[in-house]
Amino acid sequence: MKLTKTLFLILLFGVGANFYSQVKPPPSPSPTPLGEEILQTKMKTKNVQVAGLSAQTQNELGAASQLMQDGRHEESVIAHSNFIKAHPNIMVAYNNRGFSYMNLGKLDLAIADYNMALKLSPTALTYNNRGMTYSKKGDTASALADLSKAVQLNPQDSLGYSNRSIIYTQMGNYEAALTDINKAISILPKEATYFSNRCYTYFKMRNFEQAIKDCSDSLVLNPKNTTAYGTRGAAYFQLLSYESALADYDAALKLNDSFAEYHISRGYILFTLGRFEEAVSALSKAISLQPYAMAYLHRAAAYSKLDKPDLELADYNKAIEIEPNNAVSYNNRGSYYLKQNNPGAALADISKAIELNPKLVISYRNRAYIYRQNGETEKAQADEKTAEALENSPQK
């Protein structure tokens, strides 16, 4: 599951007593790399002795399976395809080629192989794999059906419960997710991934203390679990334990420095701690790895604090270039223009923000401020009324 939605907080810059200024792109550090699964999915492959195969044929299947296990998926597909051409009725070969296709992002081909594997032999293993592939395609209903079938076929396989808990978490059905992940842990109590996944479910439930405990337990079992560090760091941040949050992201990045999203989170924490130069450095590192608009927005805020307006504007422009439909970028650039005594450009950007996101309360407040400065009282009152209505709405 990818982190796709962000809420917004007010970031005051003192432009005027009633001007609400810029908004922070996310409310807290990301508990996981944005381009990765939030929950650690496990899938199964199989390399077994198949009755009726000669030793040479078994060795060919074993060699193909080893390529898959080593993560050499392009080679695995070729080797398994050659094997399937000669032996078209071996379930394991289809399951394993499907696994490699899935890792290569060829989800439809993966599902086709899983379908064939299930036709040959309906196993919990293949239902699990097909279910998680459906999940990657965004087909939650099919994913849930397959994982439920996997659990039905093998109720003592912890993996089916764990992966189904992931689907429930993605659906926001946290109680069902906890039931399944608890069952997985009862079957396999030393699996670090399961504790890390339950940690994230508790995080989504805003039970940050329990999230920290589960991620800590995960790290006892596997001290190299970067996801556990990331989620625990995000939980510490929510509890205002900024130094602990920073330490966890530092630990995650020491294990794997390639996660741009964790550098963004680290930059956000440093910004919160008032360490703006270090925040710029962390966000610049993130940008060098993956130029997310979010990183430019954060760095622009840091440049604002460092009184570097040219660099601040350049980052807003870059954020808009990357994500031209991001209302926050226009709102914040509008705030910048107002600070630079350019109310016309400010009004245009903030109006664009409202066009892109008619529920962004802060932009109505900001535009109302500009209208009042321009003497356009009726327009200001209309925007203030809209902002108040949105703030009072149960679905704001």
Protein backbone atom coordinates (compact mmCIF):
# COMPACT_ATOMS: atom_id res chain seq x y z
CA MET A 1 0.00 0.00 0.00
CA LYS A 2 1.36 3.33 -0.95
CA LEU A 3 1.16 6.47 1.03
CA THR A 4 -1.11 8.57 -1.16
CA LYS A 5 -2.91 11.02 1.08
CA THR A 6 -1.59 13.77 3.30
CA LEU A 7 -3.21 16.10 5.75
CA PHE A 8 -2.02 19.62 6.28
CA LEU A 9 -0.88 21.75 9.20
CA ILE A 10 -0.52 25.51 9.44
CA LEU A 11 3.00 26.87 9.23
CA LEU A 12 2.94 30.53 10.26
CA PHE A 13 5.44 32.92 8.73
CA GLY A 14 4.21 36.16 10.24
CA VAL A 15 3.12 37.84 7.03
CA GLY A 16 0.08 39.38 8.70
CA ALA A 17 -2.06 38.91 11.73
CA ASN A 18 -4.81 37.15 9.75
CA PHE A 19 -2.75 35.48 7.05
CA TYR A 20 -2.52 31.72 7.51
CA SER A 21 0.41 31.35 5.13
CA GLN A 22 1.90 28.02 4.14
CA VAL A 23 0.97 24.46 4.92
CA LYS A 24 3.32 21.60 5.53
CA PRO A 25 3.07 18.86 2.90
CA PRO A 26 2.65 15.96 5.39
CA PRO A 27 1.72 16.12 9.06
CA SER A 28 4.55 13.82 10.12
CA PRO A 29 7.36 11.69 8.79
CA SER A 30 6.40 8.83 6.56
CA PRO A 31 6.43 5.46 8.30
CA THR A 32 7.71 3.86 5.12
CA PRO A 33 9.26 4.60 1.77
CA LEU A 34 6.52 6.04 -0.42
CA GLY A 35 7.32 3.74 -3.30
CA GLU A 36 7.37 0.63 -1.14
CA GLU A 37 4.72 -1.47 0.55
CA ILE A 38 3.89 0.02 3.93
CA LEU A 39 3.39 -3.47 5.28
CA GLN A 40 6.00 -6.08 4.62
CA THR A 41 4.41 -8.61 2.31
CA LYS A 42 5.69 -12.12 2.21
CA MET A 43 5.11 -14.48 -0.69
CA LYS A 44 6.01 -18.08 -1.11
CA THR A 45 7.98 -19.90 -3.72
CA LYS A 46 8.59 -23.56 -3.94
CA ASN A 47 11.45 -25.78 -4.91
CA VAL A 48 10.57 -29.40 -4.22
CA GLN A 49 11.27 -32.82 -5.54
CA VAL A 50 8.61 -33.60 -8.13
CA ALA A 51 7.64 -37.21 -8.49
CA GLY A 52 8.28 -38.74 -11.89
CA LEU A 53 11.03 -36.33 -12.98
CA SER A 54 14.45 -37.59 -13.89
CA ALA A 55 17.41 -36.36 -11.88
CA GLN A 56 18.48 -34.13 -14.77
CA THR A 57 15.01 -32.59 -15.12
CA GLN A 58 14.80 -32.06 -11.37
CA ASN A 59 18.16 -30.30 -11.47
CA GLU A 60 16.88 -28.02 -14.26
CA LEU A 61 13.88 -27.06 -12.14
CA GLY A 62 16.12 -26.54 -9.13
CA ALA A 63 18.45 -24.28 -11.09
CA ALA A 64 15.54 -22.18 -12.34
CA SER A 65 14.15 -21.93 -8.81
CA GLN A 66 17.52 -20.85 -7.47
CA LEU A 67 17.62 -17.94 -9.92
CA MET A 68 14.26 -16.85 -8.56
CA GLN A 69 15.41 -17.22 -4.95
CA ASP A 70 18.48 -15.12 -5.75
CA GLY A 71 16.32 -12.32 -7.13
CA ARG A 72 17.55 -12.81 -10.70
CA HIS A 73 14.03 -12.64 -12.04
CA GLU A 74 14.66 -11.95 -15.72
CA GLU A 75 16.86 -15.05 -15.85
CA SER A 76 14.35 -16.95 -13.73
CA VAL A 77 11.57 -16.24 -16.23
CA ILE A 78 13.70 -17.50 -19.11
CA ALA A 79 14.76 -20.64 -17.24
CA HIS A 80 11.25 -21.45 -16.05
CA SER A 81 9.83 -20.78 -19.51
CA ASN A 82 12.25 -23.23 -21.03
CA PHE A 83 11.34 -25.75 -18.37
CA ILE A 84 7.59 -25.25 -18.90
CA LYS A 85 8.00 -25.70 -22.65
CA ALA A 86 9.41 -29.16 -22.05
CA HIS A 87 7.26 -29.97 -19.00
CA PRO A 88 3.96 -28.07 -19.24
CA ASN A 89 2.18 -29.78 -16.32
CA ILE A 90 4.43 -28.97 -13.34
CA MET A 91 2.59 -26.64 -10.94
CA VAL A 92 5.74 -25.45 -9.15
CA ALA A 93 7.21 -24.01 -12.34
CA TYR A 94 4.16 -21.82 -12.97
CA ASN A 95 4.05 -20.66 -9.35
CA ASN A 96 7.71 -19.70 -9.38
CA ARG A 97 7.60 -18.00 -12.78
CA GLY A 98 4.56 -16.10 -11.55
CA PHE A 99 6.58 -14.96 -8.55
CA SER A 100 9.33 -13.65 -10.84
CA TYR A 101 6.82 -11.92 -13.10
CA MET A 102 5.32 -10.26 -10.03
CA ASN A 103 8.72 -8.98 -8.94
CA LEU A 104 9.30 -7.61 -12.44
CA GLY A 105 6.01 -5.70 -12.24
CA LYS A 106 4.37 -7.89 -14.90
CA LEU A 107 1.30 -8.51 -12.80
CA ASP A 108 -1.04 -9.82 -15.50
CA LEU A 109 1.52 -12.41 -16.57
CA ALA A 110 2.01 -13.37 -12.93
CA ILE A 111 -1.72 -13.89 -12.45
CA ALA A 112 -1.93 -15.96 -15.63
CA ASP A 113 0.79 -18.24 -14.27
CA TYR A 114 -0.90 -18.52 -10.89
CA ASN A 115 -4.15 -19.39 -12.64
CA MET A 116 -2.40 -22.24 -14.42
CA ALA A 117 -0.72 -23.40 -11.21
CA LEU A 118 -4.11 -23.47 -9.46
CA LYS A 119 -5.64 -25.39 -12.35
CA LEU A 120 -2.93 -28.02 -11.96
CA SER A 121 -3.00 -28.11 -8.15
CA PRO A 122 -5.02 -25.72 -5.97
CA THR A 123 -2.70 -24.97 -3.04
CA ALA A 124 -2.70 -22.37 -0.28
CA LEU A 125 0.74 -21.32 -1.48
CA THR A 126 -0.49 -20.21 -4.90
CA TYR A 127 -3.69 -18.64 -3.59
CA ASN A 128 -1.52 -16.57 -1.27
CA ASN A 129 0.73 -15.42 -4.08
CA ARG A 130 -2.11 -14.64 -6.45
CA GLY A 131 -3.91 -12.78 -3.69
CA MET A 132 -0.97 -10.48 -3.02
CA THR A 133 -0.52 -9.92 -6.75
CA TYR A 134 -4.17 -8.86 -6.98
CA SER A 135 -3.45 -6.50 -4.11
CA LYS A 136 -0.62 -4.91 -6.07
CA LYS A 137 -3.07 -4.38 -8.93
CA GLY A 138 -5.47 -2.65 -6.56
CA ASP A 139 -8.06 -5.44 -6.78
CA THR A 140 -8.81 -5.69 -3.07
CA ALA A 141 -11.86 -7.92 -3.41
CA SER A 142 -9.99 -10.59 -5.38
CA ALA A 143 -7.02 -10.34 -3.04
CA LEU A 144 -9.20 -10.88 0.01
CA ALA A 145 -11.00 -13.83 -1.62
CA ASP A 146 -7.72 -15.55 -2.51
CA LEU A 147 -6.16 -15.04 0.91
CA SER A 148 -9.29 -16.33 2.62
CA LYS A 149 -9.07 -19.41 0.40
CA ALA A 150 -5.41 -19.84 1.38
CA VAL A 151 -6.35 -19.74 5.06
CA GLN A 152 -9.17 -22.21 4.46
CA LEU A 153 -6.87 -24.68 2.70
CA ASN A 154 -4.10 -24.39 5.29
CA PRO A 155 -5.32 -22.89 8.57
CA GLN A 156 -1.95 -23.47 10.23
CA ASP A 157 0.00 -21.42 7.68
CA SER A 158 0.77 -18.10 9.36
CA LEU A 159 1.48 -16.42 6.04
CA GLY A 160 -2.13 -16.42 4.88
CA TYR A 161 -3.28 -14.68 8.05
CA SER A 162 -0.45 -12.15 7.88
CA ASN A 163 -1.11 -11.21 4.29
CA ARG A 164 -4.87 -11.05 4.81
CA SER A 165 -4.23 -8.68 7.71
CA ILE A 166 -2.42 -6.44 5.24
CA ILE A 167 -5.49 -6.28 3.04
CA TYR A 168 -7.70 -5.50 6.02
CA THR A 169 -5.33 -2.72 7.07
CA GLN A 170 -5.44 -1.27 3.57
CA MET A 171 -9.24 -1.35 3.79
CA GLY A 172 -9.23 0.41 7.15
CA ASN A 173 -10.71 -2.65 8.88
CA TYR A 174 -8.18 -2.56 11.68
CA GLU A 175 -9.95 -4.89 14.08
CA ALA A 176 -10.04 -7.65 11.47
CA ALA A 177 -6.41 -6.90 10.65
CA LEU A 178 -5.43 -7.31 14.31
CA THR A 179 -7.33 -10.59 14.58
CA ASP A 180 -5.43 -12.01 11.61
CA ILE A 181 -1.98 -10.74 12.53
CA ASN A 182 -2.46 -11.96 16.11
CA LYS A 183 -3.27 -15.38 14.71
CA ALA A 184 -0.15 -15.28 12.54
CA ILE A 185 1.98 -14.39 15.56
CA SER A 186 0.42 -17.19 17.62
CA ILE A 187 1.47 -19.66 14.91
CA LEU A 188 4.92 -18.18 14.27
CA PRO A 189 5.88 -16.03 17.28
CA LYS A 190 9.47 -15.34 16.20
CA GLU A 191 8.69 -13.76 12.82
CA ALA A 192 9.93 -10.15 12.96
CA THR A 193 7.86 -9.10 9.95
CA TYR A 194 4.62 -9.93 11.71
CA PHE A 195 5.42 -7.64 14.64
CA SER A 196 6.46 -4.90 12.24
CA ASN A 197 3.16 -5.24 10.37
CA ARG A 198 1.14 -5.15 13.59
CA CYS A 199 3.15 -2.10 14.57
CA TYR A 200 1.91 -0.34 11.46
CA THR A 201 -1.69 -1.38 12.08
CA TYR A 202 -1.49 0.11 15.56
CA PHE A 203 0.07 3.22 14.03
CA LYS A 204 -2.93 3.59 11.71
CA MET A 205 -5.18 3.18 14.75
CA ARG A 206 -3.20 5.99 16.42
CA ASN A 207 -2.19 3.66 19.24
CA PHE A 208 1.36 4.92 19.07
CA GLU A 209 2.58 3.41 22.34
CA GLN A 210 1.57 -0.10 21.24
CA ALA A 211 3.06 0.55 17.79
CA ILE A 212 6.39 1.43 19.38
CA LYS A 213 6.30 -1.75 21.49
CA ASP A 214 5.62 -3.97 18.48
CA CYS A 215 8.26 -2.35 16.31
CA SER A 216 10.74 -2.66 19.17
CA ASP A 217 9.90 -6.37 19.47
CA SER A 218 10.38 -6.71 15.72
CA LEU A 219 13.82 -5.12 15.98
CA VAL A 220 14.82 -7.50 18.76
CA LEU A 221 14.03 -10.36 16.38
CA ASN A 222 15.59 -8.63 13.37
CA PRO A 223 17.80 -5.61 14.12
CA LYS A 224 18.09 -4.91 10.38
CA ASN A 225 14.38 -4.35 9.75
CA THR A 226 14.38 -0.85 8.25
CA THR A 227 10.58 -0.77 8.04
CA ALA A 228 10.32 -1.25 11.80
CA TYR A 229 12.67 1.68 12.38
CA GLY A 230 10.67 3.85 9.98
CA THR A 231 7.28 3.09 11.54
CA ARG A 232 8.61 3.43 15.08
CA GLY A 233 10.22 6.73 14.14
CA ALA A 234 6.89 7.99 12.82
CA ALA A 235 5.17 6.87 16.03
CA TYR A 236 7.76 8.64 18.17
CA PHE A 237 7.16 11.79 16.12
CA GLN A 238 3.44 11.62 16.81
CA LEU A 239 4.24 11.44 20.54
CA LEU A 240 6.48 14.52 20.13
CA SER A 241 9.57 12.44 20.90
CA TYR A 242 11.51 14.12 18.11
CA GLU A 243 15.00 13.02 19.13
CA SER A 244 13.87 9.38 19.34
CA ALA A 245 12.19 9.73 15.95
CA LEU A 246 15.37 11.16 14.47
CA ALA A 247 17.45 8.36 15.96
CA ASP A 248 15.21 5.75 14.34
CA TYR A 249 15.43 7.32 10.89
CA ASP A 250 19.19 7.60 11.33
CA ALA A 251 19.29 3.89 12.16
CA ALA A 252 17.14 3.00 9.15
CA LEU A 253 19.33 5.03 6.82
CA LYS A 254 22.49 3.52 8.27
CA LEU A 255 21.11 0.15 7.18
CA ASN A 256 19.94 1.42 3.77
CA ASP A 257 20.82 4.92 2.65
CA SER A 258 18.85 4.63 -0.60
CA PHE A 259 15.37 5.43 0.74
CA ALA A 260 14.62 8.97 -0.41
CA GLU A 261 11.45 8.95 1.66
CA TYR A 262 13.34 8.36 4.90
CA HIS A 263 15.64 11.26 4.08
CA ILE A 264 12.51 13.39 3.61
CA SER A 265 11.22 12.25 6.99
CA ARG A 266 14.58 13.00 8.58
CA GLY A 267 14.56 16.45 7.00
CA TYR A 268 11.06 17.07 8.34
CA ILE A 269 12.15 16.17 11.87
CA LEU A 270 15.23 18.38 11.65
CA PHE A 271 13.00 21.22 10.45
CA THR A 272 10.69 20.64 13.42
CA LEU A 273 13.72 20.79 15.73
CA GLY A 274 14.74 24.12 14.18
CA ARG A 275 17.87 22.67 12.61
CA PHE A 276 17.21 24.22 9.22
CA GLU A 277 20.64 23.86 7.60
CA GLU A 278 20.66 20.15 8.45
CA ALA A 279 17.10 19.87 7.14
CA VAL A 280 18.23 21.33 3.81
CA SER A 281 21.08 18.83 3.68
CA ALA A 282 18.77 15.87 4.37
CA LEU A 283 16.20 17.01 1.84
CA SER A 284 18.87 17.64 -0.77
CA LYS A 285 20.02 14.06 -0.28
CA ALA A 286 16.44 12.88 -0.79
CA ILE A 287 16.16 14.90 -3.99
CA SER A 288 19.40 13.42 -5.30
CA LEU A 289 17.88 9.96 -4.86
CA GLN A 290 14.32 10.68 -6.02
CA PRO A 291 13.03 14.18 -6.87
CA TYR A 292 9.70 14.04 -5.06
CA ALA A 293 7.68 17.24 -5.03
CA MET A 294 7.28 16.76 -1.29
CA ALA A 295 11.03 17.05 -0.79
CA TYR A 296 11.13 20.35 -2.68
CA LEU A 297 8.20 21.68 -0.62
CA HIS A 298 9.94 20.81 2.63
CA ARG A 299 13.22 22.28 1.47
CA ALA A 300 11.46 25.47 0.37
CA ALA A 301 10.10 25.82 3.91
CA ALA A 302 13.61 25.40 5.30
CA TYR A 303 14.99 27.97 2.86
CA SER A 304 12.27 30.34 4.02
CA LYS A 305 13.47 29.98 7.60
CA LEU A 306 17.04 30.59 6.42
CA ASP A 307 15.91 33.72 4.53
CA LYS A 308 16.97 32.43 1.12
CA PRO A 309 14.03 33.60 -1.01
CA ASP A 310 15.54 32.81 -4.41
CA LEU A 311 16.17 29.19 -3.44
CA GLU A 312 12.75 29.01 -1.80
CA LEU A 313 11.01 30.13 -4.99
CA ALA A 314 13.08 27.79 -7.14
CA ASP A 315 11.95 24.85 -5.02
CA TYR A 316 8.28 25.83 -5.24
CA ASN A 317 8.62 26.08 -9.01
CA LYS A 318 10.25 22.65 -9.16
CA ALA A 319 7.57 21.11 -6.96
CA ILE A 320 4.88 22.46 -9.31
CA GLU A 321 6.78 21.22 -12.34
CA ILE A 322 6.85 17.70 -10.86
CA GLU A 323 3.27 17.72 -9.56
CA PRO A 324 1.31 20.39 -11.43
CA ASN A 325 -1.92 19.40 -9.69
CA ASN A 326 -0.61 19.74 -6.14
CA ALA A 327 -2.71 22.42 -4.43
CA VAL A 328 -0.28 22.77 -1.53
CA SER A 329 2.53 23.85 -3.86
CA TYR A 330 0.41 26.66 -5.29
CA ASN A 331 -0.80 27.73 -1.85
CA ASN A 332 2.72 27.90 -0.49
CA ARG A 333 4.13 29.69 -3.52
CA GLY A 334 1.25 32.15 -3.20
CA SER A 335 2.32 32.77 0.38
CA TYR A 336 5.86 33.34 -0.84
CA TYR A 337 4.68 35.89 -3.40
CA LEU A 338 2.73 37.76 -0.74
CA LYS A 339 5.85 37.97 1.43
CA GLN A 340 7.63 39.40 -1.59
CA ASN A 341 4.92 42.10 -1.98
CA ASN A 342 3.48 40.57 -5.12
CA PRO A 343 -0.23 40.22 -4.23
CA GLY A 344 -1.30 39.65 -7.83
CA ALA A 345 0.84 36.56 -8.21
CA ALA A 346 -0.16 35.46 -4.71
CA LEU A 347 -3.86 35.71 -5.56
CA ALA A 348 -3.40 33.77 -8.79
CA ASP A 349 -1.55 30.92 -7.07
CA ILE A 350 -3.90 30.64 -4.12
CA SER A 351 -6.92 30.70 -6.43
CA LYS A 352 -5.26 27.90 -8.40
CA ALA A 353 -4.83 25.94 -5.15
CA ILE A 354 -8.57 26.27 -4.48
CA GLU A 355 -9.36 25.18 -8.03
CA LEU A 356 -7.24 22.06 -7.54
CA ASN A 357 -8.51 21.31 -4.05
CA PRO A 358 -11.80 23.03 -3.18
CA LYS A 359 -11.59 21.61 0.35
CA LEU A 360 -8.21 23.12 1.27
CA VAL A 361 -9.40 25.39 4.07
CA ILE A 362 -6.14 27.25 4.46
CA SER A 363 -6.27 28.56 0.90
CA TYR A 364 -9.68 30.14 1.47
CA ARG A 365 -8.29 31.82 4.57
CA ASN A 366 -5.28 33.03 2.64
CA ARG A 367 -7.34 34.35 -0.26
CA ALA A 368 -9.72 36.08 2.14
CA TYR A 369 -6.72 37.86 3.63
CA ILE A 370 -5.62 39.07 0.20
CA TYR A 371 -9.15 40.21 -0.68
CA ARG A 372 -9.32 42.22 2.53
CA GLN A 373 -5.98 43.80 1.78
CA ASN A 374 -7.38 44.76 -1.63
CA GLY A 375 -10.55 46.19 -0.08
CA GLU A 376 -12.74 43.45 -1.61
CA THR A 377 -14.76 42.82 1.53
CA GLU A 378 -17.58 40.78 0.02
CA LYS A 379 -15.18 38.34 -1.63
CA ALA A 380 -13.23 38.06 1.61
CA GLN A 381 -16.39 37.33 3.58
CA ALA A 382 -17.44 34.68 1.07
CA ASP A 383 -14.11 32.87 1.38
CA GLU A 384 -14.18 33.12 5.17
CA LYS A 385 -17.67 31.64 5.18
CA THR A 386 -16.55 28.77 2.96
CA ALA A 387 -13.53 28.12 5.17
CA GLU A 388 -15.70 28.08 8.28
CA ALA A 389 -18.17 25.68 6.67
CA LEU A 390 -15.36 23.33 5.68
CA GLU A 391 -13.85 23.47 9.14
CA ASN A 392 -17.19 22.55 10.68
CA SER A 393 -17.91 19.80 8.21
CA PRO A 394 -17.59 16.24 9.62
CA GLN A 395 -15.85 15.23 6.35
CA LYS A 396 -13.42 18.14 6.09
